[in-house]
C-alpha cells in the first residue's frame, strides 16, 4: 500500500530507502533527471498533456526495479508499476503503455512507439551533454563495486563501444545532443 503519498514522493522515498548507497548513478537523482528530460523532450516532440503525464510516470518508475535486482531490472520495474499504478487511478491500457516505455530503456534500446523513443532518449540524454564525464564517472564507480575487475581502461573501451553503437531516436536529441555526444566520444577515443 502506498499510504496515499503523492506518486512522485512515494517513488523517490522508495529509491532513497531501498537502493544501496553505492548506486552512485542509478539513484533517485537519476530518476528525477530522466523525468525532467522526458518532459523536456516530450514538449519538443509535441506530446499531448496525457502523453506527458504517461512519460513522467514511466520515467519515475523506470529504475524502481533496482530496489530488487540489478540485471534485468526493467522487468521488476514493470511489476512494481503494475502493482502500484492502479492505486493512483491508472487504467490497464495506461499501465501497459508505461511498461512499454520502461522496457524501451533496456540496453540495447529497441523502442517501438514515439513515447518509447522519448523515454529511451531521456534515459541516455546525458551522453550528448557537457555533464557526460561526471555522470559516466558515477556509473563507473557504481559498476566497479559490482564488478571489481573493471579497470579504468576497460571502462574507457566500454564507453567508446557504447557511444559508437548508441543512437538517439527523437528529432530533438538528434538535433541537440548528437554533436556533443560525438565530441564526448572523440575525447574518450583520444585518451591514450
Protein backbone atom coordinates (compact mmCIF):
# COMPACT_ATOMS: atom_id res chain seq x y z
CA UNK A 1 0.00 0.00 0.00
CA UNK A 2 1.41 3.36 -0.96
CA UNK A 3 -0.18 5.13 2.04
CA UNK A 4 -1.68 7.89 -0.14
CA UNK A 5 1.61 9.69 -0.69
CA UNK A 6 1.74 11.57 -3.98
CA UNK A 7 3.24 9.17 -6.52
CA UNK A 8 6.45 11.14 -7.06
CA UNK A 9 7.10 11.24 -3.30
CA UNK A 10 6.32 7.54 -2.99
CA UNK A 11 8.75 6.56 -5.76
CA UNK A 12 11.54 8.87 -4.58
CA UNK A 13 11.17 7.58 -1.00
CA UNK A 14 11.27 4.01 -2.31
CA UNK A 15 14.50 4.71 -4.19
CA UNK A 16 16.09 6.62 -1.30
CA UNK A 17 15.23 3.91 1.22
CA UNK A 18 15.75 0.73 -0.81
CA UNK A 19 18.70 1.39 -3.11
CA UNK A 20 22.21 0.65 -1.84
CA UNK A 21 24.26 3.76 -1.07
CA UNK A 22 26.84 2.74 -3.70
CA UNK A 23 24.36 3.22 -6.54
CA UNK A 24 26.11 6.45 -7.46
CA UNK A 25 24.41 6.61 -10.86
CA UNK A 26 21.16 4.62 -10.64
CA UNK A 27 19.60 6.57 -7.78
CA UNK A 28 16.74 8.96 -7.12
CA UNK A 29 18.70 11.87 -8.65
CA UNK A 30 19.00 9.97 -11.94
CA UNK A 31 15.27 9.26 -11.83
CA UNK A 32 14.45 12.94 -11.31
CA UNK A 33 16.85 13.89 -14.13
CA UNK A 34 15.27 11.40 -16.55
CA UNK A 35 11.79 12.58 -15.57
CA UNK A 36 12.76 16.19 -16.29
CA UNK A 37 14.35 15.24 -19.62
CA UNK A 38 11.38 13.09 -20.66
CA UNK A 39 9.08 16.08 -20.19
CA UNK A 40 11.51 18.43 -21.97
CA UNK A 41 11.90 16.11 -24.95
CA UNK A 42 8.18 15.32 -24.93
CA UNK A 43 7.33 19.02 -25.19
CA UNK A 44 9.74 19.45 -28.12
CA UNK A 45 8.15 16.40 -29.75
CA UNK A 46 4.67 18.00 -29.39
CA UNK A 47 3.24 15.47 -26.94
CA UNK A 48 -0.23 15.97 -25.53
CA UNK A 49 -0.73 16.59 -21.79
CA UNK A 50 -1.85 12.95 -21.38
CA UNK A 51 1.30 11.73 -23.17
CA UNK A 52 3.48 13.97 -21.00
CA UNK A 53 1.79 12.55 -17.90
CA UNK A 54 2.44 8.96 -19.03
CA UNK A 55 6.05 9.85 -19.89
CA UNK A 56 6.51 11.30 -16.43
CA UNK A 57 5.01 8.19 -14.80
CA UNK A 58 7.21 5.86 -16.85
CA UNK A 59 10.32 7.93 -16.08
CA UNK A 60 9.55 7.86 -12.36
CA UNK A 61 9.14 4.07 -12.30
CA UNK A 62 11.76 3.09 -14.91
CA UNK A 63 14.52 2.19 -12.44
CA UNK A 64 12.48 1.12 -9.40
CA UNK A 65 13.39 -2.49 -10.20
CA UNK A 66 16.92 -1.72 -9.00
CA UNK A 67 15.46 -1.87 -5.49
CA UNK A 68 15.10 -5.64 -6.07
CA UNK A 69 17.66 -6.70 -8.67
CA UNK A 70 20.48 -5.17 -10.73
CA UNK A 71 20.47 -7.06 -14.03
CA UNK A 72 17.18 -7.04 -15.96
CA UNK A 73 15.74 -4.55 -13.51
CA UNK A 74 13.31 -3.25 -16.15
CA UNK A 75 11.03 -6.28 -15.76
CA UNK A 76 10.93 -5.70 -12.00
CA UNK A 77 10.20 -2.00 -12.58
CA UNK A 78 7.18 -3.04 -14.65
CA UNK A 79 5.99 -5.43 -11.93
CA UNK A 80 6.20 -2.63 -9.37
CA UNK A 81 4.40 -0.22 -11.70
CA UNK A 82 1.65 -2.81 -12.28
CA UNK A 83 1.37 -3.28 -8.52
CA UNK A 84 1.09 0.39 -7.54
CA UNK A 85 -0.26 2.36 -10.51
CA UNK A 86 -3.87 1.12 -10.14
CA UNK A 87 -3.88 2.75 -6.68
CA UNK A 88 -3.08 6.03 -8.43
CA UNK A 89 -6.00 5.63 -10.82
CA UNK A 90 -4.16 4.38 -13.91
CA UNK A 91 -6.01 2.02 -16.25
CA UNK A 92 -4.63 -1.26 -17.60
CA UNK A 93 -4.00 0.27 -21.08
CA UNK A 94 -2.14 3.21 -19.48
CA UNK A 95 -0.05 0.82 -17.39
CA UNK A 96 0.73 -1.28 -20.48
CA UNK A 97 1.93 1.88 -22.22
CA UNK A 98 4.05 2.85 -19.20
CA UNK A 99 5.62 -0.63 -19.11
CA UNK A 100 6.36 -0.42 -22.83
CA UNK A 101 8.27 2.79 -22.18
CA UNK A 102 10.13 1.26 -19.23
CA UNK A 103 11.16 -1.75 -21.34
CA UNK A 104 12.36 0.63 -24.09
CA UNK A 105 15.11 1.78 -21.72
CA UNK A 106 16.62 -1.71 -21.64
CA UNK A 107 20.02 -1.89 -23.34
CA UNK A 108 20.17 -2.35 -26.28
CA UNK A 109 17.27 0.04 -26.66
CA UNK A 110 14.53 -1.04 -29.05
CA UNK A 111 11.66 1.44 -28.69
CA UNK A 112 8.59 0.74 -30.81
CA UNK A 113 6.45 3.86 -30.26
CA UNK A 114 7.01 7.61 -30.17
CA UNK A 115 6.68 7.70 -26.36
CA UNK A 116 9.11 4.79 -26.06
CA UNK A 117 11.54 6.74 -28.28
CA UNK A 118 11.26 9.71 -25.95
CA UNK A 119 11.87 7.79 -22.73
CA UNK A 120 14.75 5.84 -24.26
CA UNK A 121 16.35 9.15 -25.26
CA UNK A 122 15.64 10.78 -21.89
CA UNK A 123 17.38 7.90 -20.10
CA UNK A 124 20.59 8.36 -22.10
CA UNK A 125 20.26 12.06 -22.97
CA UNK A 126 23.32 12.80 -20.82
CA UNK A 127 25.57 11.09 -23.40
CA UNK A 128 25.26 14.23 -25.50
CA UNK A 129 25.78 16.81 -22.76
CA UNK A 130 28.75 18.57 -21.16
CA UNK A 131 27.87 16.64 -17.96
CA UNK A 132 28.72 13.34 -19.63
CA UNK A 133 32.05 12.82 -17.85
CA UNK A 134 30.60 13.45 -14.39
CA UNK A 135 27.71 11.06 -14.94
CA UNK A 136 29.93 8.46 -16.56
CA UNK A 137 32.24 8.64 -13.54
CA UNK A 138 29.30 7.96 -11.21
CA UNK A 139 28.35 4.95 -13.33
CA UNK A 140 31.96 3.69 -13.31
CA UNK A 141 32.15 3.93 -9.51
CA UNK A 142 28.86 2.03 -9.23
CA UNK A 143 29.88 -0.69 -11.69
CA UNK A 144 33.34 -1.05 -10.11
CA UNK A 145 31.74 -2.07 -6.81
CA UNK A 146 29.63 -4.67 -8.62
CA UNK A 147 32.48 -5.89 -10.86
CA UNK A 148 35.80 -5.45 -9.08
CA UNK A 149 37.76 -6.50 -12.19
CA UNK A 150 36.57 -3.40 -14.05
CA UNK A 151 39.56 -1.14 -14.71
CA UNK A 152 39.57 2.44 -15.94
CA UNK A 153 40.91 1.28 -19.32
CA UNK A 154 38.23 -1.42 -19.69
CA UNK A 155 35.64 1.20 -18.76
CA UNK A 156 37.00 3.66 -21.36
CA UNK A 157 36.80 0.98 -24.06
CA UNK A 158 33.29 0.01 -22.94
CA UNK A 159 32.20 3.64 -23.17
CA UNK A 160 33.73 4.06 -26.63
CA UNK A 161 31.88 0.98 -27.87
CA UNK A 162 28.66 2.09 -26.21
CA UNK A 163 28.78 5.59 -27.70
CA UNK A 164 29.67 4.23 -31.15
CA UNK A 165 26.65 1.90 -31.07
CA UNK A 166 24.19 4.27 -29.39
CA UNK A 167 21.70 6.24 -31.42
CA UNK A 168 19.09 8.77 -30.47
CA UNK A 169 15.53 8.22 -31.65
CA UNK A 170 13.86 11.64 -31.31
CA UNK A 171 14.37 14.57 -33.62
CA UNK A 172 15.11 16.75 -30.58
CA UNK A 173 18.05 14.61 -29.39
CA UNK A 174 19.36 14.03 -32.90
CA UNK A 175 19.46 17.79 -33.46
CA UNK A 176 20.52 18.89 -29.96
CA UNK A 177 22.58 16.09 -28.41
CA UNK A 178 24.26 14.12 -31.19
CA UNK A 179 27.07 16.62 -31.89
CA UNK A 180 28.12 16.81 -28.23
CA UNK A 181 27.87 13.02 -27.95
CA UNK A 182 30.31 12.74 -30.86
CA UNK A 183 32.65 15.21 -29.12
CA UNK A 184 32.45 13.11 -25.94
CA UNK A 185 33.26 10.00 -27.99
CA UNK A 186 36.20 11.76 -29.62
CA UNK A 187 37.60 12.78 -26.21
CA UNK A 188 37.38 9.18 -24.97
CA UNK A 189 38.97 7.80 -28.14
CA UNK A 190 41.88 10.24 -27.88
CA UNK A 191 42.74 9.39 -24.26
CA UNK A 192 45.78 7.17 -24.56
